[in-house]
Amino acid sequence: MAVATALLGGCVTVTAPDKPIVINLNINIKQEVVYRLDGKAKEVIDENAEIF
């Protein structure tokens, strides 16, 4: 039993890679804004379009 354990018990070696690890993230963010205005608010915005 001791011989089997000696044969199965190995050495594990961990080394750092030569090149840096690169993670490519392709993320698409889409935002949709829906709003409703009453007639008076729309009129005020149309009259003062330069501030919006």
N, C-alpha and C. Protein backbone atom coordinates (compact mmCIF):
# COMPACT_ATOMS: atom_id res chain seq x y z
N MET A 1 0.83 -1.19 0.00
CA MET A 1 0.00 0.00 0.00
C MET A 1 0.87 1.26 0.00
N ALA A 2 1.96 1.25 0.73
CA ALA A 2 2.86 2.39 0.78
C ALA A 2 3.49 2.65 -0.59
N VAL A 3 3.77 1.60 -1.33
CA VAL A 3 4.37 1.75 -2.66
C VAL A 3 3.36 2.39 -3.61
N ALA A 4 2.08 2.01 -3.55
CA ALA A 4 1.04 2.57 -4.41
C ALA A 4 0.84 4.06 -4.10
N THR A 5 0.89 4.39 -2.84
CA THR A 5 0.73 5.80 -2.45
C THR A 5 1.92 6.62 -2.93
N ALA A 6 3.09 6.07 -2.87
CA ALA A 6 4.29 6.77 -3.32
C ALA A 6 4.25 6.98 -4.83
N LEU A 7 3.73 6.03 -5.57
CA LEU A 7 3.66 6.16 -7.02
C LEU A 7 2.58 7.16 -7.45
N LEU A 8 1.47 7.22 -6.73
CA LEU A 8 0.39 8.13 -7.08
C LEU A 8 0.63 9.55 -6.58
N GLY A 9 1.36 9.72 -5.52
CA GLY A 9 1.63 11.04 -4.96
C GLY A 9 2.72 11.72 -5.76
N GLY A 10 2.35 12.64 -6.64
CA GLY A 10 3.32 13.31 -7.49
C GLY A 10 3.57 14.72 -7.05
N CYS A 11 4.35 15.40 -7.83
CA CYS A 11 4.67 16.80 -7.56
C CYS A 11 3.90 17.67 -8.55
N VAL A 12 3.25 18.68 -8.06
CA VAL A 12 2.50 19.60 -8.91
C VAL A 12 3.28 20.89 -9.03
N THR A 13 3.53 21.30 -10.28
CA THR A 13 4.28 22.52 -10.53
C THR A 13 3.38 23.54 -11.20
N VAL A 14 3.33 24.74 -10.64
CA VAL A 14 2.53 25.82 -11.22
C VAL A 14 3.48 26.93 -11.63
N THR A 15 3.39 27.33 -12.90
CA THR A 15 4.25 28.41 -13.40
C THR A 15 3.38 29.48 -14.05
N ALA A 16 3.88 30.69 -14.04
CA ALA A 16 3.17 31.80 -14.68
C ALA A 16 3.37 31.72 -16.19
N PRO A 17 2.36 32.14 -16.98
CA PRO A 17 2.52 32.11 -18.44
C PRO A 17 3.52 33.15 -18.91
N ASP A 18 4.11 32.90 -20.08
CA ASP A 18 5.08 33.83 -20.65
C ASP A 18 4.43 35.12 -21.13
N LYS A 19 3.22 34.99 -21.68
CA LYS A 19 2.50 36.16 -22.21
C LYS A 19 1.40 36.56 -21.22
N PRO A 20 1.03 37.84 -21.23
CA PRO A 20 -0.05 38.26 -20.33
C PRO A 20 -1.38 37.64 -20.76
N ILE A 21 -2.25 37.46 -19.81
CA ILE A 21 -3.58 36.93 -20.08
C ILE A 21 -4.45 38.07 -20.60
N VAL A 22 -5.08 37.84 -21.76
CA VAL A 22 -5.92 38.85 -22.38
C VAL A 22 -7.36 38.35 -22.35
N ILE A 23 -8.26 39.20 -21.85
CA ILE A 23 -9.68 38.87 -21.81
C ILE A 23 -10.40 39.89 -22.68
N ASN A 24 -11.01 39.41 -23.74
CA ASN A 24 -11.77 40.29 -24.64
C ASN A 24 -13.23 40.26 -24.23
N LEU A 25 -13.76 41.43 -23.92
CA LEU A 25 -15.17 41.54 -23.55
C LEU A 25 -15.88 42.36 -24.61
N ASN A 26 -16.76 41.73 -25.33
CA ASN A 26 -17.57 42.44 -26.31
C ASN A 26 -18.93 42.71 -25.67
N ILE A 27 -19.11 43.95 -25.26
CA ILE A 27 -20.32 44.32 -24.55
C ILE A 27 -21.05 45.40 -25.35
N ASN A 28 -22.29 45.14 -25.63
CA ASN A 28 -23.13 46.13 -26.30
C ASN A 28 -24.19 46.59 -25.31
N ILE A 29 -24.23 47.88 -25.10
CA ILE A 29 -25.21 48.44 -24.19
C ILE A 29 -26.16 49.30 -25.01
N LYS A 30 -27.41 48.96 -24.97
CA LYS A 30 -28.41 49.71 -25.70
C LYS A 30 -29.42 50.24 -24.70
N GLN A 31 -29.62 51.52 -24.76
CA GLN A 31 -30.56 52.14 -23.84
C GLN A 31 -31.63 52.85 -24.66
N GLU A 32 -32.83 52.61 -24.31
CA GLU A 32 -33.94 53.25 -25.00
C GLU A 32 -34.74 54.03 -23.97
N VAL A 33 -34.92 55.30 -24.25
CA VAL A 33 -35.64 56.17 -23.33
C VAL A 33 -36.96 56.55 -24.00
N VAL A 34 -38.03 56.26 -23.32
CA VAL A 34 -39.35 56.59 -23.83
C VAL A 34 -39.98 57.59 -22.86
N TYR A 35 -40.47 58.68 -23.40
CA TYR A 35 -41.09 59.67 -22.53
C TYR A 35 -42.34 60.22 -23.21
N ARG A 36 -43.25 60.67 -22.40
CA ARG A 36 -44.48 61.27 -22.90
C ARG A 36 -44.63 62.64 -22.24
N LEU A 37 -45.03 63.60 -23.03
CA LEU A 37 -45.20 64.95 -22.53
C LEU A 37 -46.62 65.41 -22.78
N ASP A 38 -47.11 66.21 -21.87
CA ASP A 38 -48.41 66.81 -22.16
C ASP A 38 -48.20 67.97 -23.13
N GLY A 39 -49.25 68.48 -23.67
CA GLY A 39 -49.17 69.51 -24.71
C GLY A 39 -48.41 70.74 -24.29
N LYS A 40 -48.64 71.22 -23.08
CA LYS A 40 -47.99 72.46 -22.62
C LYS A 40 -46.48 72.26 -22.47
N ALA A 41 -46.07 71.13 -21.91
CA ALA A 41 -44.64 70.87 -21.74
C ALA A 41 -43.95 70.77 -23.10
N LYS A 42 -44.58 70.10 -24.05
CA LYS A 42 -44.00 69.98 -25.39
C LYS A 42 -43.86 71.36 -26.02
N GLU A 43 -44.85 72.20 -25.83
CA GLU A 43 -44.83 73.57 -26.37
C GLU A 43 -43.67 74.36 -25.77
N VAL A 44 -43.46 74.26 -24.47
CA VAL A 44 -42.36 74.98 -23.80
C VAL A 44 -41.01 74.49 -24.31
N ILE A 45 -40.87 73.18 -24.50
CA ILE A 45 -39.61 72.63 -25.01
C ILE A 45 -39.37 73.11 -26.43
N ASP A 46 -40.40 73.10 -27.26
CA ASP A 46 -40.25 73.57 -28.64
C ASP A 46 -39.85 75.05 -28.69
N GLU A 47 -40.40 75.86 -27.78
CA GLU A 47 -40.07 77.28 -27.75
C GLU A 47 -38.65 77.53 -27.24
N ASN A 48 -38.14 76.65 -26.40
CA ASN A 48 -36.81 76.82 -25.80
C ASN A 48 -35.88 75.65 -26.15
N ALA A 49 -35.88 75.27 -27.40
CA ALA A 49 -35.10 74.10 -27.85
C ALA A 49 -33.59 74.26 -27.59
N GLU A 50 -33.10 75.46 -27.56
CA GLU A 50 -31.66 75.67 -27.38
C GLU A 50 -31.15 75.28 -26.00
N ILE A 51 -32.02 75.21 -24.99
CA ILE A 51 -31.56 74.84 -23.66
C ILE A 51 -31.64 73.33 -23.40
N PHE A 52 -32.23 72.59 -24.35
CA PHE A 52 -32.36 71.15 -24.18
C PHE A 52 -31.40 70.41 -25.03
